Amino acid sequence: MSSGATFALGTSSETIGGLSGNGTVDFGSSSLWVEVPTGASSSFGGDFTRASGSHFYKSGDGTQYITSDITGI
């Protein structure tokens, strides 16, 4: 995800194959599933915004790095 871009989930949950870049993930009131396959890795250093009831889940045997402050996620 490019710096300045926003991935807005709104009210529908999403499953993606890795989160990378420096944009903003706006959870709305939904959940984000990040499924990183074995041997793969992704790094995300952007921002998170969320509402009550939203969740961040990671699955798969790969590695998801979060290099930003994720207090409250």
PDB file of N, CA and C in Angstrom:
ATOM      1  N   MET A   1       0.844  -1.165   0.000  1.00  0.00           N
ATOM      2  CA  MET A   1       0.000   0.000   0.000  1.00  0.00           C
ATOM      3  C   MET A   1       0.894   1.234   0.000  1.00  0.00           C
ATOM      4  N   SER A   2       0.584   2.176  -0.847  1.00  0.00           N
ATOM      5  CA  SER A   2       1.375   3.401  -0.962  1.00  0.00           C
ATOM      6  C   SER A   2       1.124   4.345   0.202  1.00  0.00           C
ATOM      7  N   SER A   3       2.138   5.113   0.551  1.00  0.00           N
ATOM      8  CA  SER A   3       1.984   6.147   1.562  1.00  0.00           C
ATOM      9  C   SER A   3       0.898   7.106   1.108  1.00  0.00           C
ATOM     10  N   GLY A   4      -0.028   7.432   1.986  1.00  0.00           N
ATOM     11  CA  GLY A   4      -1.136   8.312   1.645  1.00  0.00           C
ATOM     12  C   GLY A   4      -2.383   7.580   1.200  1.00  0.00           C
ATOM     13  N   ALA A   5      -2.263   6.292   0.841  1.00  0.00           N
ATOM     14  CA  ALA A   5      -3.427   5.492   0.427  1.00  0.00           C
ATOM     15  C   ALA A   5      -4.177   4.992   1.660  1.00  0.00           C
ATOM     16  N   THR A   6      -5.481   4.757   1.508  1.00  0.00           N
ATOM     17  CA  THR A   6      -6.301   4.224   2.591  1.00  0.00           C
ATOM     18  C   THR A   6      -7.006   2.963   2.128  1.00  0.00           C
ATOM     19  N   PHE A   7      -6.893   1.913   2.914  1.00  0.00           N
ATOM     20  CA  PHE A   7      -7.625   0.662   2.704  1.00  0.00           C
ATOM     21  C   PHE A   7      -8.788   0.700   3.680  1.00  0.00           C
ATOM     22  N   ALA A   8      -9.987   1.034   3.189  1.00  0.00           N
ATOM     23  CA  ALA A   8     -11.167   1.201   4.035  1.00  0.00           C
ATOM     24  C   ALA A   8     -12.035  -0.051   3.997  1.00  0.00           C
ATOM     25  N   LEU A   9     -12.212  -0.683   5.147  1.00  0.00           N
ATOM     26  CA  LEU A   9     -12.993  -1.903   5.230  1.00  0.00           C
ATOM     27  C   LEU A   9     -14.482  -1.630   5.406  1.00  0.00           C
ATOM     28  N   GLY A  10     -14.859  -0.539   6.011  1.00  0.00           N
ATOM     29  CA  GLY A  10     -16.278  -0.218   6.204  1.00  0.00           C
ATOM     30  C   GLY A  10     -16.953  -1.200   7.141  1.00  0.00           C
ATOM     31  N   THR A  11     -17.956  -1.914   6.641  1.00  0.00           N
ATOM     32  CA  THR A  11     -18.688  -2.864   7.484  1.00  0.00           C
ATOM     33  C   THR A  11     -18.481  -4.308   7.061  1.00  0.00           C
ATOM     34  N   SER A  12     -17.694  -4.546   6.020  1.00  0.00           N
ATOM     35  CA  SER A  12     -17.468  -5.925   5.571  1.00  0.00           C
ATOM     36  C   SER A  12     -16.041  -6.356   5.894  1.00  0.00           C
ATOM     37  N   SER A  13     -15.893  -7.540   6.462  1.00  0.00           N
ATOM     38  CA  SER A  13     -14.576  -8.080   6.787  1.00  0.00           C
ATOM     39  C   SER A  13     -13.868  -8.498   5.509  1.00  0.00           C
ATOM     40  N   GLU A  14     -12.531  -8.449   5.541  1.00  0.00           N
ATOM     41  CA  GLU A  14     -11.716  -8.786   4.380  1.00  0.00           C
ATOM     42  C   GLU A  14     -10.626  -9.769   4.782  1.00  0.00           C
ATOM     43  N   THR A  15     -10.221 -10.618   3.838  1.00  0.00           N
ATOM     44  CA  THR A  15      -9.063 -11.488   3.992  1.00  0.00           C
ATOM     45  C   THR A  15      -8.083 -11.143   2.882  1.00  0.00           C
ATOM     46  N   ILE A  16      -6.836 -10.854   3.273  1.00  0.00           N
ATOM     47  CA  ILE A  16      -5.809 -10.515   2.297  1.00  0.00           C
ATOM     48  C   ILE A  16      -4.596 -11.408   2.522  1.00  0.00           C
ATOM     49  N   GLY A  17      -3.704 -11.475   1.556  1.00  0.00           N
ATOM     50  CA  GLY A  17      -2.547 -12.352   1.611  1.00  0.00           C
ATOM     51  C   GLY A  17      -1.299 -11.714   2.163  1.00  0.00           C
ATOM     52  N   GLY A  18      -1.403 -10.642   2.878  1.00  0.00           N
ATOM     53  CA  GLY A  18      -0.259  -9.947   3.457  1.00  0.00           C
ATOM     54  C   GLY A  18      -0.503  -8.448   3.404  1.00  0.00           C
ATOM     55  N   LEU A  19       0.015  -7.746   4.377  1.00  0.00           N
ATOM     56  CA  LEU A  19      -0.178  -6.301   4.459  1.00  0.00           C
ATOM     57  C   LEU A  19       1.195  -5.658   4.383  1.00  0.00           C
ATOM     58  N   SER A  20       1.405  -4.807   3.368  1.00  0.00           N
ATOM     59  CA  SER A  20       2.703  -4.163   3.220  1.00  0.00           C
ATOM     60  C   SER A  20       2.535  -2.704   2.827  1.00  0.00           C
ATOM     61  N   GLY A  21       3.560  -1.925   3.089  1.00  0.00           N
ATOM     62  CA  GLY A  21       3.550  -0.517   2.725  1.00  0.00           C
ATOM     63  C   GLY A  21       3.410   0.397   3.922  1.00  0.00           C
ATOM     64  N   ASN A  22       2.904   1.601   3.649  1.00  0.00           N
ATOM     65  CA  ASN A  22       2.854   2.642   4.675  1.00  0.00           C
ATOM     66  C   ASN A  22       1.564   3.457   4.662  1.00  0.00           C
ATOM     67  N   GLY A  23       0.500   2.954   4.121  1.00  0.00           N
ATOM     68  CA  GLY A  23      -0.755   3.694   4.059  1.00  0.00           C
ATOM     69  C   GLY A  23      -1.518   3.627   5.368  1.00  0.00           C
ATOM     70  N   THR A  24      -2.837   3.755   5.271  1.00  0.00           N
ATOM     71  CA  THR A  24      -3.722   3.684   6.431  1.00  0.00           C
ATOM     72  C   THR A  24      -4.729   2.567   6.233  1.00  0.00           C
ATOM     73  N   VAL A  25      -4.906   1.753   7.261  1.00  0.00           N
ATOM     74  CA  VAL A  25      -5.964   0.747   7.264  1.00  0.00           C
ATOM     75  C   VAL A  25      -7.072   1.274   8.160  1.00  0.00           C
ATOM     76  N   ASP A  26      -8.241   1.529   7.562  1.00  0.00           N
ATOM     77  CA  ASP A  26      -9.406   2.016   8.295  1.00  0.00           C
ATOM     78  C   ASP A  26     -10.365   0.834   8.477  1.00  0.00           C
ATOM     79  N   PHE A  27     -10.399   0.292   9.677  1.00  0.00           N
ATOM     80  CA  PHE A  27     -11.195  -0.895   9.957  1.00  0.00           C
ATOM     81  C   PHE A  27     -12.698  -0.650   9.926  1.00  0.00           C
ATOM     82  N   GLY A  28     -13.112   0.581  10.155  1.00  0.00           N
ATOM     83  CA  GLY A  28     -14.554   0.797  10.301  1.00  0.00           C
ATOM     84  C   GLY A  28     -15.030  -0.049  11.467  1.00  0.00           C
ATOM     85  N   SER A  29     -16.056  -0.846  11.259  1.00  0.00           N
ATOM     86  CA  SER A  29     -16.533  -1.743  12.321  1.00  0.00           C
ATOM     87  C   SER A  29     -16.350  -3.205  11.916  1.00  0.00           C
ATOM     88  N   SER A  30     -15.373  -3.481  11.067  1.00  0.00           N
ATOM     89  CA  SER A  30     -15.178  -4.828  10.536  1.00  0.00           C
ATOM     90  C   SER A  30     -13.854  -5.423  10.998  1.00  0.00           C
ATOM     91  N   SER A  31     -13.529  -6.588  10.477  1.00  0.00           N
ATOM     92  CA  SER A  31     -12.302  -7.292  10.830  1.00  0.00           C
ATOM     93  C   SER A  31     -11.436  -7.501   9.594  1.00  0.00           C
ATOM     94  N   LEU A  32     -10.132  -7.545   9.818  1.00  0.00           N
ATOM     95  CA  LEU A  32      -9.177  -7.812   8.747  1.00  0.00           C
ATOM     96  C   LEU A  32      -8.420  -9.086   9.083  1.00  0.00           C
ATOM     97  N   TRP A  33      -8.479 -10.052   8.175  1.00  0.00           N
ATOM     98  CA  TRP A  33      -7.718 -11.295   8.280  1.00  0.00           C
ATOM     99  C   TRP A  33      -6.536 -11.186   7.331  1.00  0.00           C
ATOM    100  N   VAL A  34      -5.320 -11.357   7.853  1.00  0.00           N
ATOM    101  CA  VAL A  34      -4.116 -11.353   7.034  1.00  0.00           C
ATOM    102  C   VAL A  34      -3.575 -12.777   7.044  1.00  0.00           C
ATOM    103  N   GLU A  35      -3.619 -13.426   5.889  1.00  0.00           N
ATOM    104  CA  GLU A  35      -3.184 -14.815   5.766  1.00  0.00           C
ATOM    105  C   GLU A  35      -1.871 -14.852   4.989  1.00  0.00           C
ATOM    106  N   VAL A  36      -0.775 -15.071   5.710  1.00  0.00           N
ATOM    107  CA  VAL A  36       0.551 -15.066   5.103  1.00  0.00           C
ATOM    108  C   VAL A  36       1.014 -16.521   4.944  1.00  0.00           C
ATOM    109  N   PRO A  37       1.230 -16.967   3.705  1.00  0.00           N
ATOM    110  CA  PRO A  37       1.598 -18.368   3.480  1.00  0.00           C
ATOM    111  C   PRO A  37       3.011 -18.703   3.965  1.00  0.00           C
ATOM    112  N   THR A  38       3.252 -19.969   4.156  1.00  0.00           N
ATOM    113  CA  THR A  38       4.557 -20.467   4.583  1.00  0.00           C
ATOM    114  C   THR A  38       5.662 -19.939   3.671  1.00  0.00           C
ATOM    115  N   GLY A  39       6.724 -19.441   4.293  1.00  0.00           N
ATOM    116  CA  GLY A  39       7.869 -18.941   3.540  1.00  0.00           C
ATOM    117  C   GLY A  39       7.753 -17.500   3.097  1.00  0.00           C
ATOM    118  N   ALA A  40       6.600 -16.891   3.273  1.00  0.00           N
ATOM    119  CA  ALA A  40       6.390 -15.502   2.851  1.00  0.00           C
ATOM    120  C   ALA A  40       6.462 -14.570   4.058  1.00  0.00           C
ATOM    121  N   SER A  41       6.706 -13.301   3.785  1.00  0.00           N
ATOM    122  CA  SER A  41       6.655 -12.292   4.840  1.00  0.00           C
ATOM    123  C   SER A  41       6.189 -10.968   4.238  1.00  0.00           C
ATOM    124  N   SER A  42       5.570 -10.149   5.069  1.00  0.00           N
ATOM    125  CA  SER A  42       5.114  -8.814   4.684  1.00  0.00           C
ATOM    126  C   SER A  42       5.436  -7.863   5.819  1.00  0.00           C
ATOM    127  N   SER A  43       5.659  -6.591   5.487  1.00  0.00           N
ATOM    128  CA  SER A  43       5.957  -5.586   6.493  1.00  0.00           C
ATOM    129  C   SER A  43       5.071  -4.369   6.261  1.00  0.00           C
ATOM    130  N   PHE A  44       4.419  -3.897   7.324  1.00  0.00           N
ATOM    131  CA  PHE A  44       3.530  -2.743   7.242  1.00  0.00           C
ATOM    132  C   PHE A  44       3.940  -1.723   8.295  1.00  0.00           C
ATOM    133  N   GLY A  45       4.118  -0.483   7.875  1.00  0.00           N
ATOM    134  CA  GLY A  45       4.522   0.578   8.787  1.00  0.00           C
ATOM    135  C   GLY A  45       3.564   1.748   8.794  1.00  0.00           C
ATOM    136  N   GLY A  46       2.352   1.528   8.339  1.00  0.00           N
ATOM    137  CA  GLY A  46       1.373   2.609   8.259  1.00  0.00           C
ATOM    138  C   GLY A  46       0.537   2.752   9.515  1.00  0.00           C
ATOM    139  N   ASP A  47      -0.603   3.403   9.362  1.00  0.00           N
ATOM    140  CA  ASP A  47      -1.491   3.700  10.478  1.00  0.00           C
ATOM    141  C   ASP A  47      -2.718   2.794  10.465  1.00  0.00           C
ATOM    142  N   PHE A  48      -3.295   2.625  11.641  1.00  0.00           N
ATOM    143  CA  PHE A  48      -4.544   1.894  11.800  1.00  0.00           C
ATOM    144  C   PHE A  48      -5.570   2.804  12.453  1.00  0.00           C
ATOM    145  N   THR A  49      -6.780   2.801  11.923  1.00  0.00           N
ATOM    146  CA  THR A  49      -7.899   3.457  12.596  1.00  0.00           C
ATOM    147  C   THR A  49      -8.975   2.401  12.759  1.00  0.00           C
ATOM    148  N   ARG A  50      -9.663   2.438  13.882  1.00  0.00           N
ATOM    149  CA  ARG A  50     -10.644   1.389  14.130  1.00  0.00           C
ATOM    150  C   ARG A  50     -11.793   1.897  14.979  1.00  0.00           C
ATOM    151  N   ALA A  51     -12.876   1.158  14.904  1.00  0.00           N
ATOM    152  CA  ALA A  51     -14.054   1.422  15.718  1.00  0.00           C
ATOM    153  C   ALA A  51     -14.241   0.243  16.668  1.00  0.00           C
ATOM    154  N   SER A  52     -15.069   0.432  17.638  1.00  0.00           N
ATOM    155  CA  SER A  52     -15.379  -0.647  18.569  1.00  0.00           C
ATOM    156  C   SER A  52     -15.907  -1.859  17.807  1.00  0.00           C
ATOM    157  N   GLY A  53     -15.428  -3.037  18.152  1.00  0.00           N
ATOM    158  CA  GLY A  53     -15.887  -4.258  17.502  1.00  0.00           C
ATOM    159  C   GLY A  53     -15.050  -4.702  16.324  1.00  0.00           C
ATOM    160  N   SER A  54     -14.050  -3.917  15.916  1.00  0.00           N
ATOM    161  CA  SER A  54     -13.191  -4.326  14.801  1.00  0.00           C
ATOM    162  C   SER A  54     -12.016  -5.141  15.331  1.00  0.00           C
ATOM    163  N   HIS A  55     -11.480  -6.027  14.473  1.00  0.00           N
ATOM    164  CA  HIS A  55     -10.402  -6.924  14.882  1.00  0.00           C
ATOM    165  C   HIS A  55      -9.372  -7.093  13.773  1.00  0.00           C
ATOM    166  N   PHE A  56      -8.150  -7.421  14.193  1.00  0.00           N
ATOM    167  CA  PHE A  56      -7.053  -7.752  13.284  1.00  0.00           C
ATOM    168  C   PHE A  56      -6.624  -9.175  13.598  1.00  0.00           C
ATOM    169  N   TYR A  57      -6.652 -10.059  12.597  1.00  0.00           N
ATOM    170  CA  TYR A  57      -6.266 -11.452  12.772  1.00  0.00           C
ATOM    171  C   TYR A  57      -5.153 -11.787  11.792  1.00  0.00           C
ATOM    172  N   LYS A  58      -4.223 -12.618  12.223  1.00  0.00           N
ATOM    173  CA  LYS A  58      -3.160 -13.101  11.346  1.00  0.00           C
ATOM    174  C   LYS A  58      -3.221 -14.616  11.338  1.00  0.00           C
ATOM    175  N   SER A  59      -3.177 -15.205  10.152  1.00  0.00           N
ATOM    176  CA  SER A  59      -3.162 -16.661  10.041  1.00  0.00           C
ATOM    177  C   SER A  59      -2.088 -17.071   9.043  1.00  0.00           C
ATOM    178  N   GLY A  60      -1.829 -18.344   8.951  1.00  0.00           N
ATOM    179  CA  GLY A  60      -0.786 -18.843   8.062  1.00  0.00           C
ATOM    180  C   GLY A  60       0.545 -18.914   8.782  1.00  0.00           C
ATOM    181  N   ASP A  61       1.489 -19.642   8.207  1.00  0.00           N
ATOM    182  CA  ASP A  61       2.789 -19.858   8.832  1.00  0.00           C
ATOM    183  C   ASP A  61       3.827 -18.815   8.445  1.00  0.00           C
ATOM    184  N   GLY A  62       3.499 -17.902   7.562  1.00  0.00           N
ATOM    185  CA  GLY A  62       4.417 -16.833   7.190  1.00  0.00           C
ATOM    186  C   GLY A  62       4.484 -15.768   8.274  1.00  0.00           C
ATOM    187  N   THR A  63       5.255 -14.723   8.029  1.00  0.00           N
ATOM    188  CA  THR A  63       5.481 -13.670   9.023  1.00  0.00           C
ATOM    189  C   THR A  63       4.881 -12.350   8.560  1.00  0.00           C
ATOM    190  N   GLN A  64       4.130 -11.708   9.440  1.00  0.00           N
ATOM    191  CA  GLN A  64       3.598 -10.368   9.201  1.00  0.00           C
ATOM    192  C   GLN A  64       4.265  -9.432  10.187  1.00  0.00           C
ATOM    193  N   TYR A  65       5.088  -8.503   9.681  1.00  0.00           N
ATOM    194  CA  TYR A  65       5.737  -7.515  10.538  1.00  0.00           C
ATOM    195  C   TYR A  65       4.878  -6.256  10.579  1.00  0.00           C
ATOM    196  N   ILE A  66       4.704  -5.706  11.774  1.00  0.00           N
ATOM    197  CA  ILE A  66       4.032  -4.417  11.965  1.00  0.00           C
ATOM    198  C   ILE A  66       5.064  -3.506  12.613  1.00  0.00           C
ATOM    199  N   THR A  67       5.478  -2.475  11.898  1.00  0.00           N
ATOM    200  CA  THR A  67       6.536  -1.609  12.401  1.00  0.00           C
ATOM    201  C   THR A  67       6.014  -0.271  12.917  1.00  0.00           C
ATOM    202  N   SER A  68       4.709  -0.121  12.944  1.00  0.00           N
ATOM    203  CA  SER A  68       4.112   1.109  13.452  1.00  0.00           C
ATOM    204  C   SER A  68       3.506   0.852  14.826  1.00  0.00           C
ATOM    205  N   ASP A  69       3.088   1.919  15.487  1.00  0.00           N
ATOM    206  CA  ASP A  69       2.445   1.818  16.792  1.00  0.00           C
ATOM    207  C   ASP A  69       1.030   1.307  16.603  1.00  0.00           C
ATOM    208  N   ILE A  70       0.697   0.180  17.213  1.00  0.00           N
ATOM    209  CA  ILE A  70      -0.636  -0.396  17.029  1.00  0.00           C
ATOM    210  C   ILE A  70      -1.413  -0.453  18.331  1.00  0.00           C
ATOM    211  N   THR A  71      -1.145   0.466  19.236  1.00  0.00           N
ATOM    212  CA  THR A  71      -1.876   0.520  20.483  1.00  0.00           C
ATOM    213  C   THR A  71      -3.367   0.557  20.216  1.00  0.00           C
ATOM    214  N   GLY A  72      -4.091  -0.319  20.854  1.00  0.00           N
ATOM    215  CA  GLY A  72      -5.553  -0.340  20.707  1.00  0.00           C
ATOM    216  C   GLY A  72      -6.070  -1.266  19.648  1.00  0.00           C
ATOM    217  N   ILE A  73      -5.211  -1.927  18.909  1.00  0.00           N
ATOM    218  CA  ILE A  73      -5.680  -2.867  17.896  1.00  0.00           C
ATOM    219  C   ILE A  73      -5.793  -4.230  18.521  1.00  0.00           C
TER     220      ILE A  73
END
